C-alpha atoms as a PDB file:
ATOM      1  CA  MET A   1      -0.416 -17.594  -1.538  1.00  0.00           C
ATOM      2  CA  VAL A   2       1.498 -14.496  -2.630  1.00  0.00           C
ATOM      3  CA  ARG A   3       3.113 -16.434  -5.470  1.00  0.00           C
ATOM      4  CA  LYS A   4      -0.337 -17.501  -6.652  1.00  0.00           C
ATOM      5  CA  VAL A   5      -1.815 -13.970  -6.468  1.00  0.00           C
ATOM      6  CA  PHE A   6       1.030 -12.488  -8.509  1.00  0.00           C
ATOM      7  CA  GLY A   7       1.663 -15.538 -10.697  1.00  0.00           C
ATOM      8  CA  LEU A   8       5.270 -15.993  -9.564  1.00  0.00           C
ATOM      9  CA  LYS A   9       7.306 -19.138 -10.016  1.00  0.00           C
ATOM     10  CA  LYS A  10       9.131 -20.537  -6.999  1.00  0.00           C
ATOM     11  CA  ASP A  11      12.635 -19.869  -8.365  1.00  0.00           C
ATOM     12  CA  PHE A  12      11.775 -16.253  -9.211  1.00  0.00           C
ATOM     13  CA  ALA A  13      10.292 -15.736  -5.743  1.00  0.00           C
ATOM     14  CA  GLU A  14      13.481 -17.111  -4.180  1.00  0.00           C
ATOM     15  CA  LYS A  15      15.701 -14.840  -6.291  1.00  0.00           C
ATOM     16  CA  THR A  16      13.672 -11.730  -5.434  1.00  0.00           C
ATOM     17  CA  LYS A  17      12.954 -12.393  -1.766  1.00  0.00           C
ATOM     18  CA  MET A  18      15.157  -9.484  -0.630  1.00  0.00           C
ATOM     19  CA  LEU A  19      13.255  -7.149  -2.929  1.00  0.00           C
ATOM     20  CA  ALA A  20      10.023  -8.470  -1.427  1.00  0.00           C
ATOM     21  CA  ALA A  21      11.422  -7.888   2.062  1.00  0.00           C
ATOM     22  CA  ASN A  22      12.220  -4.296   1.076  1.00  0.00           C
ATOM     23  CA  GLN A  23       8.643  -3.830  -0.114  1.00  0.00           C
ATOM     24  CA  GLY A  24       7.425  -5.352   3.131  1.00  0.00           C
ATOM     25  CA  ILE A  25       9.348  -2.795   5.177  1.00  0.00           C
ATOM     26  CA  TYR A  26       7.933  -0.016   2.980  1.00  0.00           C
ATOM     27  CA  ASN A  27       4.423  -1.332   3.594  1.00  0.00           C
ATOM     28  CA  LEU A  28       5.145  -1.584   7.322  1.00  0.00           C
ATOM     29  CA  PHE A  29       6.001   2.128   7.378  1.00  0.00           C
ATOM     30  CA  LEU A  30       2.758   2.933   5.567  1.00  0.00           C
ATOM     31  CA  VAL A  31       0.796   0.906   8.114  1.00  0.00           C
ATOM     32  CA  ALA A  32       2.673   2.631  10.942  1.00  0.00           C
ATOM     33  CA  GLY A  33       1.596   5.998   9.531  1.00  0.00           C
ATOM     34  CA  LEU A  34      -2.016   4.894   9.284  1.00  0.00           C
ATOM     35  CA  VAL A  35      -1.967   3.540  12.855  1.00  0.00           C
ATOM     36  CA  TRP A  36      -0.307   6.767  14.008  1.00  0.00           C
ATOM     37  CA  SER A  37      -3.193   8.712  12.477  1.00  0.00           C
ATOM     38  CA  LEU A  38      -5.602   6.677  14.622  1.00  0.00           C
ATOM     39  CA  VAL A  39      -3.869   7.458  17.922  1.00  0.00           C
ATOM     40  CA  ILE A  40      -3.168  11.168  17.431  1.00  0.00           C
ATOM     41  CA  GLY A  41      -5.228  13.276  19.807  1.00  0.00           C
ATOM     42  CA  ASP A  42      -5.808  16.195  17.424  1.00  0.00           C
ATOM     43  CA  PRO A  43      -8.554  15.155  14.948  1.00  0.00           C
ATOM     44  CA  VAL A  44      -7.560  17.703  12.278  1.00  0.00           C
ATOM     45  CA  PHE A  45      -3.919  16.620  12.308  1.00  0.00           C
ATOM     46  CA  ALA A  46      -4.983  12.954  12.447  1.00  0.00           C
ATOM     47  CA  THR A  47      -7.137  13.392   9.336  1.00  0.00           C
ATOM     48  CA  SER A  48      -4.262  15.037   7.482  1.00  0.00           C
ATOM     49  CA  ILE A  49      -1.838  12.259   8.422  1.00  0.00           C
ATOM     50  CA  ASN A  50      -4.395   9.587   7.539  1.00  0.00           C
ATOM     51  CA  LEU A  51      -5.125  11.083   4.117  1.00  0.00           C
ATOM     52  CA  PHE A  52      -1.426  11.500   3.373  1.00  0.00           C
ATOM     53  CA  PHE A  53      -0.620   7.859   4.104  1.00  0.00           C
ATOM     54  CA  MET A  54      -3.719   6.525   2.308  1.00  0.00           C
ATOM     55  CA  PHE A  55      -2.778   8.601  -0.729  1.00  0.00           C
ATOM     56  CA  CYS A  56       0.770   7.186  -0.548  1.00  0.00           C
ATOM     57  CA  VAL A  57      -0.696   3.669  -0.636  1.00  0.00           C
ATOM     58  CA  ALA A  58      -2.913   4.644  -3.588  1.00  0.00           C
ATOM     59  CA  LEU A  59       0.027   6.082  -5.527  1.00  0.00           C
ATOM     60  CA  ALA A  60       2.106   2.998  -4.776  1.00  0.00           C
ATOM     61  CA  GLY A  61      -0.726   0.961  -6.286  1.00  0.00           C
ATOM     62  CA  VAL A  62      -0.670   3.097  -9.422  1.00  0.00           C
ATOM     63  CA  PHE A  63       3.115   2.803  -9.672  1.00  0.00           C
ATOM     64  CA  GLY A  64       2.901  -0.966  -9.190  1.00  0.00           C
ATOM     65  CA  ALA A  65       0.239  -1.197 -11.891  1.00  0.00           C
ATOM     66  CA  ILE A  66       2.472   0.681 -14.316  1.00  0.00           C
ATOM     67  CA  THR A  67       5.715  -1.110 -13.496  1.00  0.00           C
ATOM     68  CA  VAL A  68       4.604  -4.617 -12.496  1.00  0.00           C
ATOM     69  CA  GLY A  69       1.086  -5.265 -13.726  1.00  0.00           C
ATOM     70  CA  PHE A  70      -2.389  -3.807 -13.570  1.00  0.00           C
ATOM     71  CA  LYS A  71      -3.513  -6.485 -11.122  1.00  0.00           C
ATOM     72  CA  LEU A  72      -1.593  -4.568  -8.478  1.00  0.00           C
ATOM     73  CA  PHE A  73      -3.921  -1.605  -8.951  1.00  0.00           C
ATOM     74  CA  TRP A  74      -6.938  -3.763  -8.069  1.00  0.00           C
ATOM     75  CA  ILE A  75      -5.208  -5.203  -5.009  1.00  0.00           C
ATOM     76  CA  GLN A  76      -3.590  -2.056  -3.611  1.00  0.00           C
ATOM     77  CA  GLY A  77      -4.481   1.097  -5.517  1.00  0.00           C
ATOM     78  CA  LEU A  78      -8.248   0.903  -5.900  1.00  0.00           C
ATOM     79  CA  PRO A  79      -9.019   0.085  -2.242  1.00  0.00           C
ATOM     80  CA  ALA A  80      -6.798   2.980  -1.160  1.00  0.00           C
ATOM     81  CA  PHE A  81      -8.450   5.404  -3.591  1.00  0.00           C
ATOM     82  CA  ILE A  82     -11.870   4.282  -2.323  1.00  0.00           C
ATOM     83  CA  ALA A  83     -10.721   4.850   1.269  1.00  0.00           C
ATOM     84  CA  VAL A  84      -9.461   8.342   0.379  1.00  0.00           C
ATOM     85  CA  ALA A  85     -12.729   9.161  -1.405  1.00  0.00           C
ATOM     86  CA  LEU A  86     -14.842   7.922   1.515  1.00  0.00           C
ATOM     87  CA  HIS A  87     -12.685   9.887   3.935  1.00  0.00           C
ATOM     88  CA  VAL A  88     -13.052  13.103   1.951  1.00  0.00           C
ATOM     89  CA  ILE A  89     -16.818  12.761   1.465  1.00  0.00           C
END
């Protein structure tokens, strides 16, 4: 499914699987930060942590759009920017 979304050929996916694993760990840390923001008792601190990690996801989407392809912005960046905007409003 991932190969189809990003238009990757099987041999390229095999050659770059360690890079993908690295990105997966990075994304796991982002998710951990977002989950952390949900379990923090202090609502002001929780909001700050949540916004920080959502903004990190949004910036990663922008970076991916610039370096890999704009499709990454639609998949990762735009949803994160919408979440940040809805959180701030």
